[in-house]
Amino acid sequence: MNLEELAAREAIRDLVARYNHAGDRGLLDELVACFAEDGAMEIEGEPRLEGRGAIHAHLSGVARRLAASTRRATLRHHVSSVRIVVHDAAHAEAWSYFSAFTEIGLDHWGRYSDRLVRSGSEWLFALRKVRVDGAAPGSRMVASSPP
């Protein structure tokens, strides 16, 4: 492993962290900026979101739904077991697990599968696939969870 690959890996770890920090704080513009202009997001069981505009529109709806909730709005994602494969100077893949906590405690958990591209000096998501593996009863984030 050379210094260029180490730098790419660290930049990708930072991207994953920035995405979750922005999402947990409702900073949608910052979250969407983690995607390439033509980037896509696939949330299992939902239509594919193509481009920053579609991703922003979808997540804005999620944020409005949560804000309308009578419960206190708390969301914190924890990401672990990040596996990164750098294919070349402009392409990489990453896989990781996440757990999300709300005021009920552990709310839901799952996996990210990412295709990444380098744009100038930064790495961005070309495709982020999100799979929720499970949710706690009363989950604020997973609609199919029983109250």
N, C-alpha and C. Protein backbone atom coordinates (compact mmCIF):
# COMPACT_ATOMS: atom_id res chain seq x y z
N MET A 1 0.85 -1.17 0.00
CA MET A 1 0.00 0.00 0.00
C MET A 1 0.91 1.24 0.00
N ASN A 2 0.61 2.18 -0.91
CA ASN A 2 1.42 3.38 -1.00
C ASN A 2 0.70 4.57 -0.35
N LEU A 3 1.38 5.72 -0.29
CA LEU A 3 0.81 6.90 0.36
C LEU A 3 -0.45 7.40 -0.35
N GLU A 4 -0.50 7.30 -1.66
CA GLU A 4 -1.68 7.73 -2.42
C GLU A 4 -2.91 6.91 -2.02
N GLU A 5 -2.74 5.60 -1.89
CA GLU A 5 -3.86 4.75 -1.47
C GLU A 5 -4.26 5.03 -0.03
N LEU A 6 -3.28 5.25 0.84
CA LEU A 6 -3.60 5.58 2.24
C LEU A 6 -4.38 6.89 2.31
N ALA A 7 -3.98 7.88 1.53
CA ALA A 7 -4.69 9.16 1.51
C ALA A 7 -6.11 8.98 0.98
N ALA A 8 -6.27 8.14 -0.04
CA ALA A 8 -7.61 7.87 -0.58
C ALA A 8 -8.49 7.21 0.47
N ARG A 9 -7.95 6.23 1.17
CA ARG A 9 -8.72 5.53 2.20
C ARG A 9 -9.17 6.50 3.30
N GLU A 10 -8.27 7.37 3.73
CA GLU A 10 -8.63 8.33 4.78
C GLU A 10 -9.69 9.32 4.28
N ALA A 11 -9.57 9.76 3.05
CA ALA A 11 -10.56 10.68 2.48
C ALA A 11 -11.93 10.00 2.38
N ILE A 12 -11.94 8.73 2.05
CA ILE A 12 -13.21 7.98 1.96
C ILE A 12 -13.82 7.80 3.34
N ARG A 13 -13.00 7.50 4.35
CA ARG A 13 -13.52 7.41 5.72
C ARG A 13 -14.13 8.74 6.16
N ASP A 14 -13.46 9.83 5.79
CA ASP A 14 -13.98 11.16 6.13
C ASP A 14 -15.31 11.41 5.41
N LEU A 15 -15.42 10.99 4.17
CA LEU A 15 -16.67 11.15 3.42
C LEU A 15 -17.81 10.41 4.13
N VAL A 16 -17.58 9.17 4.53
CA VAL A 16 -18.60 8.39 5.23
C VAL A 16 -19.02 9.11 6.52
N ALA A 17 -18.06 9.65 7.26
CA ALA A 17 -18.37 10.37 8.49
C ALA A 17 -19.13 11.66 8.21
N ARG A 18 -18.70 12.43 7.20
CA ARG A 18 -19.39 13.68 6.86
C ARG A 18 -20.85 13.43 6.47
N TYR A 19 -21.09 12.38 5.70
CA TYR A 19 -22.45 12.02 5.29
C TYR A 19 -23.33 11.80 6.52
N ASN A 20 -22.87 11.00 7.46
CA ASN A 20 -23.68 10.69 8.63
C ASN A 20 -23.81 11.87 9.58
N HIS A 21 -22.75 12.63 9.77
CA HIS A 21 -22.85 13.83 10.63
C HIS A 21 -23.85 14.81 10.05
N ALA A 22 -23.80 15.03 8.74
CA ALA A 22 -24.74 15.96 8.11
C ALA A 22 -26.17 15.44 8.22
N GLY A 23 -26.37 14.15 7.97
CA GLY A 23 -27.71 13.58 8.06
C GLY A 23 -28.29 13.66 9.47
N ASP A 24 -27.47 13.36 10.45
CA ASP A 24 -27.94 13.40 11.84
C ASP A 24 -28.31 14.80 12.29
N ARG A 25 -27.72 15.79 11.69
CA ARG A 25 -27.99 17.18 12.07
C ARG A 25 -28.97 17.88 11.13
N GLY A 26 -29.48 17.14 10.16
CA GLY A 26 -30.45 17.72 9.24
C GLY A 26 -29.84 18.70 8.25
N LEU A 27 -28.56 18.59 7.99
CA LEU A 27 -27.86 19.49 7.06
C LEU A 27 -27.87 18.84 5.67
N LEU A 28 -29.03 18.92 5.02
CA LEU A 28 -29.23 18.19 3.77
C LEU A 28 -28.32 18.65 2.65
N ASP A 29 -28.05 19.94 2.56
CA ASP A 29 -27.16 20.41 1.50
C ASP A 29 -25.77 19.80 1.66
N GLU A 30 -25.28 19.72 2.90
CA GLU A 30 -23.97 19.11 3.14
C GLU A 30 -23.99 17.62 2.85
N LEU A 31 -25.08 16.95 3.21
CA LEU A 31 -25.20 15.52 2.94
C LEU A 31 -25.21 15.27 1.44
N VAL A 32 -26.01 16.02 0.71
CA VAL A 32 -26.13 15.82 -0.75
C VAL A 32 -24.82 16.14 -1.45
N ALA A 33 -24.03 17.06 -0.90
CA ALA A 33 -22.74 17.40 -1.48
C ALA A 33 -21.75 16.24 -1.39
N CYS A 34 -22.08 15.21 -0.63
CA CYS A 34 -21.23 14.01 -0.55
C CYS A 34 -21.38 13.13 -1.78
N PHE A 35 -22.34 13.44 -2.64
CA PHE A 35 -22.59 12.66 -3.86
C PHE A 35 -22.03 13.39 -5.07
N ALA A 36 -21.58 12.62 -6.05
CA ALA A 36 -21.22 13.19 -7.34
C ALA A 36 -22.48 13.85 -7.93
N GLU A 37 -22.30 14.81 -8.82
CA GLU A 37 -23.46 15.48 -9.44
C GLU A 37 -24.46 14.47 -9.99
N ASP A 38 -23.96 13.42 -10.63
CA ASP A 38 -24.84 12.40 -11.20
C ASP A 38 -24.91 11.16 -10.31
N GLY A 39 -24.55 11.33 -9.04
CA GLY A 39 -24.57 10.21 -8.11
C GLY A 39 -25.98 9.70 -7.87
N ALA A 40 -26.05 8.50 -7.33
CA ALA A 40 -27.34 7.86 -7.09
C ALA A 40 -27.36 7.25 -5.70
N MET A 41 -28.58 7.07 -5.21
CA MET A 41 -28.79 6.42 -3.92
C MET A 41 -29.88 5.39 -4.08
N GLU A 42 -29.62 4.21 -3.56
CA GLU A 42 -30.61 3.14 -3.56
C GLU A 42 -30.88 2.75 -2.12
N ILE A 43 -32.10 2.99 -1.68
CA ILE A 43 -32.55 2.54 -0.37
C ILE A 43 -33.42 1.34 -0.64
N GLU A 44 -33.01 0.19 -0.11
CA GLU A 44 -33.70 -1.06 -0.43
C GLU A 44 -35.22 -0.90 -0.25
N GLY A 45 -35.95 -1.34 -1.27
CA GLY A 45 -37.40 -1.29 -1.23
C GLY A 45 -38.00 0.01 -1.73
N GLU A 46 -37.16 0.95 -2.14
CA GLU A 46 -37.64 2.25 -2.65
C GLU A 46 -37.04 2.48 -4.04
N PRO A 47 -37.67 3.37 -4.82
CA PRO A 47 -37.11 3.67 -6.15
C PRO A 47 -35.71 4.28 -6.04
N ARG A 48 -34.89 3.99 -7.03
CA ARG A 48 -33.53 4.55 -7.08
C ARG A 48 -33.62 6.07 -7.24
N LEU A 49 -32.79 6.78 -6.52
CA LEU A 49 -32.74 8.24 -6.59
C LEU A 49 -31.54 8.62 -7.44
N GLU A 50 -31.79 9.28 -8.55
CA GLU A 50 -30.75 9.63 -9.52
C GLU A 50 -30.43 11.11 -9.43
N GLY A 51 -29.22 11.46 -9.09
CA GLY A 51 -28.78 12.85 -9.05
C GLY A 51 -29.03 13.51 -7.72
N ARG A 52 -28.27 14.58 -7.49
CA ARG A 52 -28.35 15.31 -6.22
C ARG A 52 -29.75 15.85 -5.95
N GLY A 53 -30.42 16.33 -6.97
CA GLY A 53 -31.76 16.90 -6.78
C GLY A 53 -32.75 15.88 -6.24
N ALA A 54 -32.74 14.70 -6.82
CA ALA A 54 -33.66 13.64 -6.38
C ALA A 54 -33.33 13.18 -4.96
N ILE A 55 -32.05 13.08 -4.66
CA ILE A 55 -31.64 12.68 -3.32
C ILE A 55 -32.09 13.73 -2.30
N HIS A 56 -31.88 15.00 -2.62
CA HIS A 56 -32.28 16.08 -1.72
C HIS A 56 -33.79 16.08 -1.51
N ALA A 57 -34.55 15.95 -2.59
CA ALA A 57 -36.01 15.96 -2.48
C ALA A 57 -36.51 14.83 -1.59
N HIS A 58 -35.98 13.63 -1.79
CA HIS A 58 -36.40 12.49 -0.98
C HIS A 58 -36.08 12.70 0.50
N LEU A 59 -34.84 13.09 0.78
CA LEU A 59 -34.43 13.25 2.17
C LEU A 59 -35.09 14.45 2.83
N SER A 60 -35.47 15.45 2.05
CA SER A 60 -36.24 16.58 2.60
C SER A 60 -37.59 16.09 3.11
N GLY A 61 -38.20 15.16 2.36
CA GLY A 61 -39.46 14.58 2.80
C GLY A 61 -39.32 13.79 4.09
N VAL A 62 -38.23 13.05 4.21
CA VAL A 62 -37.96 12.31 5.44
C VAL A 62 -37.80 13.28 6.60
N ALA A 63 -37.04 14.36 6.39
CA ALA A 63 -36.82 15.36 7.44
C ALA A 63 -38.12 16.02 7.87
N ARG A 64 -38.99 16.33 6.90
CA ARG A 64 -40.29 16.94 7.25
C ARG A 64 -41.14 15.97 8.08
N ARG A 65 -41.11 14.70 7.71
CA ARG A 65 -41.88 13.70 8.45
C ARG A 65 -41.39 13.59 9.88
N LEU A 66 -40.09 13.59 10.06
CA LEU A 66 -39.54 13.50 11.41
C LEU A 66 -39.83 14.75 12.22
N ALA A 67 -39.73 15.92 11.57
CA ALA A 67 -40.00 17.18 12.28
C ALA A 67 -41.45 17.27 12.73
N ALA A 68 -42.36 16.64 11.99
CA ALA A 68 -43.77 16.67 12.34
C ALA A 68 -44.11 15.71 13.48
N SER A 69 -43.17 14.84 13.81
CA SER A 69 -43.38 13.87 14.88
C SER A 69 -43.54 14.59 16.21
N THR A 70 -44.33 14.00 17.08
CA THR A 70 -44.52 14.59 18.41
C THR A 70 -43.37 14.22 19.34
N ARG A 71 -42.51 13.31 18.89
CA ARG A 71 -41.37 12.91 19.72
C ARG A 71 -40.18 13.84 19.51
N ARG A 72 -39.31 13.89 20.50
CA ARG A 72 -38.09 14.67 20.40
C ARG A 72 -37.24 14.14 19.24
N ALA A 73 -36.68 15.02 18.48
CA ALA A 73 -35.90 14.61 17.29
C ALA A 73 -34.45 14.37 17.67
N THR A 74 -34.06 13.12 17.78
CA THR A 74 -32.68 12.74 18.04
C THR A 74 -32.33 11.66 17.03
N LEU A 75 -31.19 11.81 16.38
CA LEU A 75 -30.73 10.79 15.44
C LEU A 75 -29.21 10.79 15.45
N ARG A 76 -28.63 9.62 15.69
CA ARG A 76 -27.18 9.48 15.69
C ARG A 76 -26.83 8.16 15.02
N HIS A 77 -26.06 8.24 13.95
CA HIS A 77 -25.58 7.04 13.25
C HIS A 77 -24.17 6.69 13.72
N HIS A 78 -23.92 5.42 13.88
CA HIS A 78 -22.59 4.91 14.19
C HIS A 78 -22.23 3.92 13.09
N VAL A 79 -21.06 4.12 12.49
CA VAL A 79 -20.62 3.30 11.36
C VAL A 79 -19.40 2.50 11.79
N SER A 80 -19.37 1.22 11.39
CA SER A 80 -18.25 0.37 11.78
C SER A 80 -17.87 -0.59 10.66
N SER A 81 -16.77 -1.28 10.90
CA SER A 81 -16.26 -2.31 9.99
C SER A 81 -16.19 -1.81 8.55
N VAL A 82 -15.62 -0.63 8.38
CA VAL A 82 -15.50 -0.03 7.06
C VAL A 82 -14.41 -0.75 6.28
N ARG A 83 -14.80 -1.31 5.15
CA ARG A 83 -13.87 -2.02 4.25
C ARG A 83 -13.78 -1.20 2.97
N ILE A 84 -12.58 -0.81 2.60
CA ILE A 84 -12.36 0.03 1.43
C ILE A 84 -11.43 -0.68 0.46
N VAL A 85 -11.81 -0.69 -0.82
CA VAL A 85 -10.95 -1.20 -1.88
C VAL A 85 -10.76 -0.07 -2.88
N VAL A 86 -9.52 0.38 -3.02
CA VAL A 86 -9.18 1.42 -3.98
C VAL A 86 -8.77 0.73 -5.26
N HIS A 87 -9.54 0.95 -6.33
CA HIS A 87 -9.25 0.29 -7.61
C HIS A 87 -8.19 1.03 -8.40
N ASP A 88 -8.27 2.36 -8.39
CA ASP A 88 -7.27 3.19 -9.06
C ASP A 88 -7.38 4.59 -8.48
N ALA A 89 -6.72 5.56 -9.07
CA ALA A 89 -6.68 6.91 -8.51
C ALA A 89 -8.04 7.60 -8.49
N ALA A 90 -9.04 7.06 -9.22
CA ALA A 90 -10.34 7.74 -9.31
C ALA A 90 -11.54 6.86 -8.96
N HIS A 91 -11.31 5.59 -8.62
CA HIS A 91 -12.43 4.68 -8.37
C HIS A 91 -12.16 3.80 -7.15
N ALA A 92 -13.17 3.65 -6.32
CA ALA A 92 -13.05 2.80 -5.13
C ALA A 92 -14.42 2.26 -4.77
N GLU A 93 -14.42 1.28 -3.89
CA GLU A 93 -15.66 0.74 -3.33
C GLU A 93 -15.47 0.66 -1.82
N ALA A 94 -16.59 0.74 -1.09
CA ALA A 94 -16.54 0.61 0.36
C ALA A 94 -17.81 -0.08 0.84
N TRP A 95 -17.66 -0.80 1.94
CA TRP A 95 -18.79 -1.48 2.57
C TRP A 95 -18.68 -1.21 4.07
N SER A 96 -19.81 -1.01 4.73
CA SER A 96 -19.78 -0.77 6.17
C SER A 96 -21.13 -1.13 6.78
N TYR A 97 -21.10 -1.25 8.10
CA TYR A 97 -22.32 -1.49 8.87
C TYR A 97 -22.69 -0.21 9.60
N PHE A 98 -23.98 -0.01 9.82
CA PHE A 98 -24.40 1.15 10.61
C PHE A 98 -25.44 0.74 11.63
N SER A 99 -25.47 1.50 12.71
CA SER A 99 -26.56 1.41 13.68
C SER A 99 -27.01 2.84 13.93
N ALA A 100 -28.31 3.02 14.03
CA ALA A 100 -28.88 4.35 14.23
C ALA A 100 -29.63 4.39 15.55
N PHE A 101 -29.36 5.43 16.30
CA PHE A 101 -29.98 5.61 17.62
C PHE A 101 -30.88 6.83 17.58
N THR A 102 -32.06 6.69 18.17
CA THR A 102 -32.98 7.80 18.38
C THR A 102 -33.30 7.84 19.87
N GLU A 103 -34.31 8.61 20.24
CA GLU A 103 -34.66 8.69 21.66
C GLU A 103 -35.15 7.36 22.23
N ILE A 104 -35.47 6.39 21.38
CA ILE A 104 -35.89 5.08 21.89
C ILE A 104 -34.69 4.17 22.14
N GLY A 105 -33.49 4.63 21.78
CA GLY A 105 -32.29 3.80 21.87
C GLY A 105 -31.95 3.31 20.47
N LEU A 106 -31.48 2.05 20.37
CA LEU A 106 -31.18 1.49 19.06
C LEU A 106 -32.46 1.43 18.24
N ASP A 107 -32.50 2.20 17.15
CA ASP A 107 -33.70 2.35 16.34
C ASP A 107 -33.70 1.36 15.16
N HIS A 108 -32.61 1.36 14.41
CA HIS A 108 -32.50 0.45 13.27
C HIS A 108 -31.03 0.27 12.93
N TRP A 109 -30.75 -0.73 12.09
CA TRP A 109 -29.38 -1.06 11.75
C TRP A 109 -29.34 -1.66 10.36
N GLY A 110 -28.15 -1.62 9.75
CA GLY A 110 -28.04 -2.16 8.40
C GLY A 110 -26.66 -2.00 7.83
N ARG A 111 -26.62 -1.88 6.47
CA ARG A 111 -25.36 -1.86 5.73
C ARG A 111 -25.36 -0.80 4.65
N TYR A 112 -24.19 -0.27 4.41
CA TYR A 112 -23.95 0.60 3.26
C TYR A 112 -23.04 -0.15 2.29
N SER A 113 -23.31 0.01 1.02
CA SER A 113 -22.44 -0.48 -0.04
C SER A 113 -22.22 0.69 -0.99
N ASP A 114 -20.99 1.11 -1.14
CA ASP A 114 -20.70 2.35 -1.88
C ASP A 114 -19.76 2.14 -3.05
N ARG A 115 -20.08 2.82 -4.15
CA ARG A 115 -19.14 3.00 -5.25
C ARG A 115 -18.72 4.46 -5.18
N LEU A 116 -17.43 4.71 -5.24
CA LEU A 116 -16.90 6.05 -5.04
C LEU A 116 -16.09 6.50 -6.24
N VAL A 117 -16.12 7.82 -6.49
CA VAL A 117 -15.32 8.42 -7.55
C VAL A 117 -14.58 9.61 -6.99
N ARG A 118 -13.44 9.86 -7.58
CA ARG A 118 -12.67 11.04 -7.18
C ARG A 118 -13.05 12.18 -8.10
N SER A 119 -13.30 13.33 -7.50
CA SER A 119 -13.62 14.54 -8.25
C SER A 119 -12.70 15.63 -7.75
N GLY A 120 -11.71 15.99 -8.55
CA GLY A 120 -10.70 16.94 -8.08
C GLY A 120 -9.94 16.34 -6.92
N SER A 121 -9.96 17.02 -5.79
CA SER A 121 -9.21 16.54 -4.63
C SER A 121 -10.07 15.75 -3.65
N GLU A 122 -11.36 15.57 -3.96
CA GLU A 122 -12.22 14.87 -2.99
C GLU A 122 -12.86 13.61 -3.59
N TRP A 123 -13.23 12.72 -2.70
CA TRP A 123 -13.96 11.50 -3.06
C TRP A 123 -15.43 11.74 -2.80
N LEU A 124 -16.28 11.19 -3.70
CA LEU A 124 -17.73 11.36 -3.60
C LEU A 124 -18.41 10.03 -3.86
N PHE A 125 -19.65 9.91 -3.42
CA PHE A 125 -20.43 8.72 -3.71
C PHE A 125 -20.93 8.78 -5.16
N ALA A 126 -20.60 7.77 -5.94
CA ALA A 126 -21.21 7.60 -7.25
C ALA A 126 -22.51 6.84 -7.06
N LEU A 127 -22.51 5.91 -6.11
CA LEU A 127 -23.70 5.14 -5.77
C LEU A 127 -23.60 4.72 -4.32
N ARG A 128 -24.61 5.03 -3.55
CA ARG A 128 -24.70 4.56 -2.17
C ARG A 128 -25.95 3.69 -2.08
N LYS A 129 -25.74 2.42 -1.71
CA LYS A 129 -26.84 1.50 -1.47
C LYS A 129 -27.02 1.36 0.03
N VAL A 130 -28.25 1.51 0.48
CA VAL A 130 -28.56 1.43 1.90
C VAL A 130 -29.51 0.25 2.11
N ARG A 131 -29.13 -0.64 2.99
CA ARG A 131 -29.99 -1.77 3.33
C ARG A 131 -30.23 -1.76 4.83
N VAL A 132 -31.48 -1.68 5.23
CA VAL A 132 -31.83 -1.78 6.65
C VAL A 132 -32.07 -3.26 6.94
N ASP A 133 -31.29 -3.80 7.86
CA ASP A 133 -31.41 -5.21 8.21
C ASP A 133 -32.43 -5.47 9.30
N GLY A 134 -32.71 -4.46 10.13
CA GLY A 134 -33.67 -4.65 11.21
C GLY A 134 -34.00 -3.34 11.88
N ALA A 135 -35.08 -3.36 12.65
CA ALA A 135 -35.53 -2.17 13.37
C ALA A 135 -36.17 -2.58 14.68
N ALA A 136 -36.03 -1.71 15.66
CA ALA A 136 -36.63 -1.94 16.97
C ALA A 136 -38.12 -1.63 16.92
N PRO A 137 -38.91 -2.25 17.78
CA PRO A 137 -40.33 -1.86 17.89
C PRO A 137 -40.42 -0.36 18.20
N GLY A 138 -41.29 0.33 17.51
CA GLY A 138 -41.45 1.76 17.71
C GLY A 138 -40.42 2.61 17.00
N SER A 139 -39.70 2.03 16.04
CA SER A 139 -38.69 2.78 15.29
C SER A 139 -39.27 4.06 14.72
N ARG A 140 -38.52 5.17 14.84
CA ARG A 140 -38.94 6.44 14.25
C ARG A 140 -38.61 6.47 12.77
N MET A 141 -37.66 5.65 12.35
CA MET A 141 -37.13 5.78 11.00
C MET A 141 -37.62 4.72 10.03
N VAL A 142 -38.04 3.58 10.55
CA VAL A 142 -38.46 2.48 9.68
C VAL A 142 -39.96 2.34 9.82
N ALA A 143 -40.67 2.68 8.75
CA ALA A 143 -42.13 2.76 8.78
C ALA A 143 -42.80 1.43 9.11
N SER A 144 -42.18 0.31 8.73
CA SER A 144 -42.83 -0.97 8.93
C SER A 144 -42.66 -1.51 10.35
N SER A 145 -41.92 -0.78 11.19
CA SER A 145 -41.72 -1.23 12.56
C SER A 145 -42.99 -1.04 13.37
N PRO A 146 -43.42 -2.05 14.14
CA PRO A 146 -44.63 -1.89 14.94
C PRO A 146 -44.45 -0.82 16.01
N PRO A 147 -45.52 -0.12 16.39
CA PRO A 147 -45.39 0.96 17.40
C PRO A 147 -45.03 0.42 18.76
